[in-house]
Amino acid sequence: MRLSGRFVRVFQWIAPVLLPALVVFGRGLLGAPMGWMMLVAMIIGPLVVIAMYIAPIIVLFDRDAKAARSTRVLYNVASWVTWGALLVMMFTLVDGGDSPPFGSVLSTWGWMSSDASSIFFAAAMAAVVIGWLGTITTAIFGVVQSRSAKPPLLSAP
């Protein structure tokens, strides 16, 4: 798990920019038609980027994780859930702003219908929100734990 913690420590700074960009533009690179959803995502994207940088900034104050050059296990799990769900969103985002609605990457490839893709997208969106809240919560708990476990500065003889 230590290697995973080191990967998360680095990738937590790259993921907030890379993954929302993949959700917006990656679908086009993989063959799905781009429509109005791209415009909507480009407006919401910067807010997602800012929100995703909250947890890494909090982790900077975790003394124990900083000393180990790693992150805590629960933070790693929450981060992986968020990142994986964002990738699922990229493959299942259906552009419903046009008529007829454009399909997702998976429906364009013929692997599932647009309706099924929308259901998977909704589940992935819920997982992203839960994972993001988990990263913030575990980052805060890590900081609190690292601050409360410190030895006293002056001890009585």
C-alpha atoms as a PDB file:
ATOM      1  CA  MET A   1       0.000   0.000   0.000  1.00  0.00           C
ATOM      2  CA  ARG A   2       2.988   2.269   0.442  1.00  0.00           C
ATOM      3  CA  LEU A   3       3.613   2.453  -3.305  1.00  0.00           C
ATOM      4  CA  SER A   4      -0.048   3.356  -3.857  1.00  0.00           C
ATOM      5  CA  GLY A   5       0.265   6.139  -1.295  1.00  0.00           C
ATOM      6  CA  ARG A   6       3.251   7.587  -3.118  1.00  0.00           C
ATOM      7  CA  PHE A   7       1.402   7.418  -6.440  1.00  0.00           C
ATOM      8  CA  VAL A   8      -1.627   9.151  -4.921  1.00  0.00           C
ATOM      9  CA  ARG A   9       0.634  11.806  -3.394  1.00  0.00           C
ATOM     10  CA  VAL A  10       1.854  12.741  -6.896  1.00  0.00           C
ATOM     11  CA  PHE A  11      -1.275  12.053  -8.961  1.00  0.00           C
ATOM     12  CA  GLN A  12      -3.534  14.055  -6.625  1.00  0.00           C
ATOM     13  CA  TRP A  13      -2.012  17.177  -8.191  1.00  0.00           C
ATOM     14  CA  ILE A  14      -2.414  15.965 -11.786  1.00  0.00           C
ATOM     15  CA  ALA A  15      -5.863  14.336 -11.565  1.00  0.00           C
ATOM     16  CA  PRO A  16      -7.913  17.510 -10.942  1.00  0.00           C
ATOM     17  CA  VAL A  17      -6.880  18.874 -14.332  1.00  0.00           C
ATOM     18  CA  LEU A  18      -6.437  15.663 -16.330  1.00  0.00           C
ATOM     19  CA  LEU A  19      -9.602  13.765 -15.437  1.00  0.00           C
ATOM     20  CA  PRO A  20     -12.174  16.559 -15.971  1.00  0.00           C
ATOM     21  CA  ALA A  21     -10.448  17.318 -19.288  1.00  0.00           C
ATOM     22  CA  LEU A  22     -10.818  13.652 -20.231  1.00  0.00           C
ATOM     23  CA  VAL A  23     -14.501  13.710 -19.326  1.00  0.00           C
ATOM     24  CA  VAL A  24     -15.009  16.778 -21.544  1.00  0.00           C
ATOM     25  CA  PHE A  25     -12.704  16.038 -24.486  1.00  0.00           C
ATOM     26  CA  GLY A  26     -11.817  12.349 -24.092  1.00  0.00           C
ATOM     27  CA  ARG A  27     -15.196  11.261 -25.378  1.00  0.00           C
ATOM     28  CA  GLY A  28     -14.491  12.974 -28.683  1.00  0.00           C
ATOM     29  CA  LEU A  29     -11.068  11.369 -28.910  1.00  0.00           C
ATOM     30  CA  LEU A  30     -12.673   7.957 -28.438  1.00  0.00           C
ATOM     31  CA  GLY A  31     -15.280   8.439 -31.147  1.00  0.00           C
ATOM     32  CA  ALA A  32     -18.338   9.833 -29.405  1.00  0.00           C
ATOM     33  CA  PRO A  33     -19.892  12.839 -31.113  1.00  0.00           C
ATOM     34  CA  MET A  34     -19.437  16.142 -29.306  1.00  0.00           C
ATOM     35  CA  GLY A  35     -22.517  18.298 -28.771  1.00  0.00           C
ATOM     36  CA  TRP A  36     -23.964  20.724 -26.291  1.00  0.00           C
ATOM     37  CA  MET A  37     -22.772  18.681 -23.331  1.00  0.00           C
ATOM     38  CA  MET A  38     -19.224  19.757 -24.172  1.00  0.00           C
ATOM     39  CA  LEU A  39     -20.206  23.407 -23.701  1.00  0.00           C
ATOM     40  CA  VAL A  40     -21.934  22.621 -20.414  1.00  0.00           C
ATOM     41  CA  ALA A  41     -18.920  20.620 -19.231  1.00  0.00           C
ATOM     42  CA  MET A  42     -16.530  23.421 -20.171  1.00  0.00           C
ATOM     43  CA  ILE A  43     -18.512  25.781 -17.927  1.00  0.00           C
ATOM     44  CA  ILE A  44     -18.729  23.319 -15.015  1.00  0.00           C
ATOM     45  CA  GLY A  45     -15.190  21.962 -15.518  1.00  0.00           C
ATOM     46  CA  PRO A  46     -13.280  24.789 -13.795  1.00  0.00           C
ATOM     47  CA  LEU A  47     -15.514  24.442 -10.729  1.00  0.00           C
ATOM     48  CA  VAL A  48     -14.771  20.710 -10.627  1.00  0.00           C
ATOM     49  CA  VAL A  49     -11.035  21.403 -10.894  1.00  0.00           C
ATOM     50  CA  ILE A  50     -11.165  23.833  -7.970  1.00  0.00           C
ATOM     51  CA  ALA A  51     -13.235  21.408  -5.894  1.00  0.00           C
ATOM     52  CA  MET A  52     -10.827  18.547  -6.594  1.00  0.00           C
ATOM     53  CA  TYR A  53      -7.844  20.589  -5.372  1.00  0.00           C
ATOM     54  CA  ILE A  54      -9.365  21.079  -1.895  1.00  0.00           C
ATOM     55  CA  ALA A  55      -8.330  17.638  -0.577  1.00  0.00           C
ATOM     56  CA  PRO A  56      -4.687  17.782  -1.798  1.00  0.00           C
ATOM     57  CA  ILE A  57      -4.293  21.196  -0.178  1.00  0.00           C
ATOM     58  CA  ILE A  58      -5.615  19.790   3.100  1.00  0.00           C
ATOM     59  CA  VAL A  59      -3.246  16.793   2.834  1.00  0.00           C
ATOM     60  CA  LEU A  60      -0.306  19.223   2.782  1.00  0.00           C
ATOM     61  CA  PHE A  61      -0.966  19.846   6.494  1.00  0.00           C
ATOM     62  CA  ASP A  62      -0.786  16.134   7.434  1.00  0.00           C
ATOM     63  CA  ARG A  63       2.592  15.928   9.176  1.00  0.00           C
ATOM     64  CA  ASP A  64       2.759  12.130   9.339  1.00  0.00           C
ATOM     65  CA  ALA A  65       1.934  11.673   5.661  1.00  0.00           C
ATOM     66  CA  LYS A  66       4.376  14.409   4.712  1.00  0.00           C
ATOM     67  CA  ALA A  67       7.162  12.747   6.696  1.00  0.00           C
ATOM     68  CA  ALA A  68       6.424   9.380   5.035  1.00  0.00           C
ATOM     69  CA  ARG A  69       6.165  11.029   1.595  1.00  0.00           C
ATOM     70  CA  SER A  70       2.923   9.140   1.180  1.00  0.00           C
ATOM     71  CA  THR A  71      -0.769   9.425   1.973  1.00  0.00           C
ATOM     72  CA  ARG A  72      -3.068   7.541   4.316  1.00  0.00           C
ATOM     73  CA  VAL A  73      -4.789   4.339   3.189  1.00  0.00           C
ATOM     74  CA  LEU A  74      -8.382   5.597   3.476  1.00  0.00           C
ATOM     75  CA  TYR A  75      -7.450   8.731   1.552  1.00  0.00           C
ATOM     76  CA  ASN A  76      -5.955   6.506  -1.150  1.00  0.00           C
ATOM     77  CA  VAL A  77      -9.143   4.441  -1.399  1.00  0.00           C
ATOM     78  CA  ALA A  78     -11.347   7.538  -1.631  1.00  0.00           C
ATOM     79  CA  SER A  79      -9.061   9.029  -4.286  1.00  0.00           C
ATOM     80  CA  TRP A  80      -9.089   5.860  -6.398  1.00  0.00           C
ATOM     81  CA  VAL A  81     -12.903   5.709  -6.189  1.00  0.00           C
ATOM     82  CA  THR A  82     -13.177   9.317  -7.374  1.00  0.00           C
ATOM     83  CA  TRP A  83     -10.699   8.874 -10.220  1.00  0.00           C
ATOM     84  CA  GLY A  84     -12.180   5.589 -11.398  1.00  0.00           C
ATOM     85  CA  ALA A  85     -15.697   6.994 -11.368  1.00  0.00           C
ATOM     86  CA  LEU A  86     -14.545   9.989 -13.423  1.00  0.00           C
ATOM     87  CA  LEU A  87     -13.184   7.599 -16.039  1.00  0.00           C
ATOM     88  CA  VAL A  88     -16.499   5.730 -16.085  1.00  0.00           C
ATOM     89  CA  MET A  89     -18.214   9.102 -16.594  1.00  0.00           C
ATOM     90  CA  MET A  90     -16.028   9.749 -19.624  1.00  0.00           C
ATOM     91  CA  PHE A  91     -17.165   6.509 -21.254  1.00  0.00           C
ATOM     92  CA  THR A  92     -20.859   6.858 -20.348  1.00  0.00           C
ATOM     93  CA  LEU A  93     -21.653  10.574 -20.743  1.00  0.00           C
ATOM     94  CA  VAL A  94     -24.555  10.910 -23.184  1.00  0.00           C
ATOM     95  CA  ASP A  95     -25.085  14.234 -24.947  1.00  0.00           C
ATOM     96  CA  GLY A  96     -28.788  14.843 -24.457  1.00  0.00           C
ATOM     97  CA  GLY A  97     -28.882  18.460 -25.614  1.00  0.00           C
ATOM     98  CA  ASP A  98     -29.435  17.648 -29.268  1.00  0.00           C
ATOM     99  CA  SER A  99     -32.157  15.757 -30.968  1.00  0.00           C
ATOM    100  CA  PRO A 100     -31.740  12.889 -31.403  1.00  0.00           C
ATOM    101  CA  PRO A 101     -29.436  12.548 -28.410  1.00  0.00           C
ATOM    102  CA  PHE A 102     -25.861  11.680 -29.223  1.00  0.00           C
ATOM    103  CA  GLY A 103     -24.607   8.490 -27.673  1.00  0.00           C
ATOM    104  CA  SER A 104     -21.810   7.947 -25.215  1.00  0.00           C
ATOM    105  CA  VAL A 105     -18.501   6.355 -26.101  1.00  0.00           C
ATOM    106  CA  LEU A 106     -19.815   2.916 -25.151  1.00  0.00           C
ATOM    107  CA  SER A 107     -23.066   3.332 -27.088  1.00  0.00           C
ATOM    108  CA  THR A 108     -21.150   4.640 -30.108  1.00  0.00           C
ATOM    109  CA  TRP A 109     -18.987   1.535 -29.979  1.00  0.00           C
ATOM    110  CA  GLY A 110     -22.176  -0.555 -29.814  1.00  0.00           C
ATOM    111  CA  TRP A 111     -21.531  -2.023 -26.364  1.00  0.00           C
ATOM    112  CA  MET A 112     -24.690  -0.629 -24.705  1.00  0.00           C
ATOM    113  CA  SER A 113     -27.673   1.561 -25.441  1.00  0.00           C
ATOM    114  CA  SER A 114     -27.795   5.269 -24.644  1.00  0.00           C
ATOM    115  CA  ASP A 115     -30.369   4.610 -21.913  1.00  0.00           C
ATOM    116  CA  ALA A 116     -28.158   2.042 -20.196  1.00  0.00           C
ATOM    117  CA  SER A 117     -25.211   4.380 -20.571  1.00  0.00           C
ATOM    118  CA  SER A 118     -27.177   7.142 -18.822  1.00  0.00           C
ATOM    119  CA  ILE A 119     -27.840   4.843 -15.878  1.00  0.00           C
ATOM    120  CA  PHE A 120     -24.149   4.009 -15.554  1.00  0.00           C
ATOM    121  CA  PHE A 121     -23.329   7.712 -15.834  1.00  0.00           C
ATOM    122  CA  ALA A 122     -25.699   8.559 -12.971  1.00  0.00           C
ATOM    123  CA  ALA A 123     -24.136   5.855 -10.790  1.00  0.00           C
ATOM    124  CA  ALA A 124     -20.638   7.108 -11.649  1.00  0.00           C
ATOM    125  CA  MET A 125     -21.669  10.681 -10.834  1.00  0.00           C
ATOM    126  CA  ALA A 126     -22.899   9.543  -7.423  1.00  0.00           C
ATOM    127  CA  ALA A 127     -19.629   7.658  -6.863  1.00  0.00           C
ATOM    128  CA  VAL A 128     -17.631  10.771  -7.776  1.00  0.00           C
ATOM    129  CA  VAL A 129     -19.516  12.883  -5.250  1.00  0.00           C
ATOM    130  CA  ILE A 130     -19.195  10.244  -2.519  1.00  0.00           C
ATOM    131  CA  GLY A 131     -15.503   9.691  -3.314  1.00  0.00           C
ATOM    132  CA  TRP A 132     -14.816  13.437  -3.339  1.00  0.00           C
ATOM    133  CA  LEU A 133     -16.517  13.863   0.040  1.00  0.00           C
ATOM    134  CA  GLY A 134     -14.497  10.869   1.258  1.00  0.00           C
ATOM    135  CA  THR A 135     -11.202  12.429   0.159  1.00  0.00           C
ATOM    136  CA  ILE A 136     -11.998  15.652   1.966  1.00  0.00           C
ATOM    137  CA  THR A 137     -13.162  13.832   5.104  1.00  0.00           C
ATOM    138  CA  THR A 138     -10.166  11.500   5.254  1.00  0.00           C
ATOM    139  CA  ALA A 139      -7.777  14.380   4.535  1.00  0.00           C
ATOM    140  CA  ILE A 140      -9.229  16.338   7.477  1.00  0.00           C
ATOM    141  CA  PHE A 141      -9.070  13.293   9.756  1.00  0.00           C
ATOM    142  CA  GLY A 142      -5.442  12.737   8.742  1.00  0.00           C
ATOM    143  CA  VAL A 143      -4.509  16.298   9.654  1.00  0.00           C
ATOM    144  CA  VAL A 144      -6.327  16.079  12.983  1.00  0.00           C
ATOM    145  CA  GLN A 145      -4.683  12.751  13.766  1.00  0.00           C
ATOM    146  CA  SER A 146      -1.202  13.991  12.898  1.00  0.00           C
ATOM    147  CA  ARG A 147      -1.665  17.095  15.047  1.00  0.00           C
ATOM    148  CA  SER A 148      -3.102  15.351  18.094  1.00  0.00           C
ATOM    149  CA  ALA A 149      -0.466  12.594  18.304  1.00  0.00           C
ATOM    150  CA  LYS A 150       2.474  14.939  18.755  1.00  0.00           C
ATOM    151  CA  PRO A 151       4.520  14.641  21.951  1.00  0.00           C
ATOM    152  CA  PRO A 152       4.553  17.546  24.411  1.00  0.00           C
ATOM    153  CA  LEU A 153       7.252  20.139  23.816  1.00  0.00           C
ATOM    154  CA  LEU A 154       8.295  20.485  27.459  1.00  0.00           C
ATOM    155  CA  SER A 155       7.994  17.672  29.931  1.00  0.00           C
ATOM    156  CA  ALA A 156       8.235  17.941  33.683  1.00  0.00           C
ATOM    157  CA  PRO A 157      11.184  16.168  35.336  1.00  0.00           C
END
